[in-house]
Amino acid sequence: MYSSRPVSSEPVSHDVYGRTVAKCSVGDLDLGDWLVRAGLAFDWPRYSKGKYDGAQREAERAGRGVWAGSYVAPWRYRACINEGRKSDNCSEGVE
């Protein structure tokens, strides 16, 4: 459906590592929204300013993607590791 259409990206900011944070789209379809709504990505308010919060809540309620099982958000896992904890103590149920 979208595989043969061009993807456009619009730089929005940079992350703490200097990488470009961008809004990507195919025509009028916001790919970030589509990925979050499908449960394949997280709304990261630090960069999205909560733009995808509604899409994430919808995916969670519907049990799509990562919401179908258990997981630890990547930024929480990294924070846990950075605190010096072992990886097996940074998985499921870490807050």
Protein backbone atom coordinates (compact mmCIF):
# COMPACT_ATOMS: atom_id res chain seq x y z
CA MET A 1 0.00 0.00 0.00
CA TYR A 2 2.73 2.53 0.95
CA SER A 3 5.78 0.56 -0.13
CA SER A 4 6.12 2.20 -3.54
CA ARG A 5 5.45 5.76 -2.32
CA PRO A 6 8.24 8.14 -1.27
CA VAL A 7 8.84 8.83 2.40
CA SER A 8 9.51 12.39 3.43
CA SER A 9 11.20 13.49 6.63
CA GLU A 10 11.13 16.84 8.34
CA PRO A 11 13.82 17.46 11.00
CA VAL A 12 12.29 18.51 14.31
CA SER A 13 15.20 18.53 16.77
CA HIS A 14 18.25 16.56 17.90
CA ASP A 15 18.52 13.98 20.66
CA VAL A 16 21.13 14.00 23.43
CA TYR A 17 23.56 12.17 21.11
CA GLY A 18 23.20 14.75 18.34
CA ARG A 19 21.06 12.52 16.13
CA THR A 20 18.28 14.13 14.13
CA VAL A 21 14.75 13.60 15.40
CA ALA A 22 12.36 13.91 12.46
CA LYS A 23 8.71 13.61 11.52
CA CYS A 24 8.43 11.04 8.73
CA SER A 25 5.42 10.70 6.48
CA VAL A 26 4.07 9.11 3.34
CA GLY A 27 1.72 11.63 1.79
CA ASP A 28 -0.55 12.76 4.64
CA LEU A 29 0.18 9.66 6.77
CA ASP A 30 2.36 10.43 9.82
CA LEU A 31 4.50 7.29 10.15
CA GLY A 32 5.19 7.98 13.84
CA ASP A 33 1.47 8.00 14.58
CA TRP A 34 0.97 4.85 12.52
CA LEU A 35 3.79 2.98 14.32
CA VAL A 36 2.62 4.03 17.81
CA ARG A 37 -1.04 3.25 17.01
CA ALA A 38 0.01 -0.23 15.82
CA GLY A 39 1.94 -0.83 19.06
CA LEU A 40 5.26 -0.97 17.19
CA ALA A 41 6.76 2.16 18.76
CA PHE A 42 6.33 4.26 21.90
CA ASP A 43 5.30 7.86 22.28
CA TRP A 44 8.43 9.43 23.76
CA PRO A 45 7.16 12.74 25.19
CA ARG A 46 10.69 14.08 25.52
CA TYR A 47 10.76 14.45 21.75
CA SER A 48 7.09 14.22 20.71
CA LYS A 49 5.74 16.58 23.38
CA GLY A 50 2.98 13.97 23.84
CA LYS A 51 1.78 14.18 20.24
CA TYR A 52 1.27 10.40 20.07
CA ASP A 53 -0.15 9.90 23.56
CA GLY A 54 -3.68 9.22 22.29
CA ALA A 55 -2.37 6.76 19.69
CA GLN A 56 -0.39 4.95 22.39
CA ARG A 57 -3.37 4.74 24.75
CA GLU A 58 -5.46 3.33 21.88
CA ALA A 59 -2.83 0.68 21.10
CA GLU A 60 -2.55 -0.23 24.79
CA ARG A 61 -6.35 -0.58 25.21
CA ALA A 62 -6.51 -2.75 22.08
CA GLY A 63 -3.52 -4.89 23.13
CA ARG A 64 -1.62 -4.25 19.88
CA GLY A 65 2.10 -4.84 19.35
CA VAL A 66 4.17 -4.50 22.50
CA TRP A 67 0.97 -4.05 24.48
CA ALA A 68 0.07 -7.69 23.79
CA GLY A 69 2.74 -8.89 26.22
CA SER A 70 5.12 -7.59 28.84
CA TYR A 71 8.05 -5.33 28.16
CA VAL A 72 10.24 -2.62 29.62
CA ALA A 73 10.40 0.67 27.74
CA PRO A 74 13.92 1.08 26.31
CA TRP A 75 14.65 4.30 28.20
CA ARG A 76 13.72 2.64 31.51
CA TYR A 77 15.91 -0.37 30.74
CA ARG A 78 18.88 1.90 29.91
CA ALA A 79 18.31 3.95 33.07
CA CYS A 80 18.28 0.74 35.12
CA ILE A 81 21.55 -0.44 33.54
CA ASN A 82 23.08 3.02 34.06
CA GLU A 83 22.22 2.70 37.77
CA GLY A 84 24.59 -0.29 37.81
CA ARG A 85 21.94 -3.01 37.99
CA LYS A 86 22.30 -6.27 36.09
CA SER A 87 20.23 -6.83 32.96
CA ASP A 88 18.12 -9.60 34.52
CA ASN A 89 17.10 -7.10 37.23
CA CYS A 90 16.13 -4.54 34.59
CA SER A 91 13.55 -6.54 32.71
CA GLU A 92 9.87 -7.21 33.32
CA GLY A 93 8.20 -5.16 36.03
CA VAL A 94 10.92 -2.53 36.45
CA GLU A 95 9.57 0.93 37.15
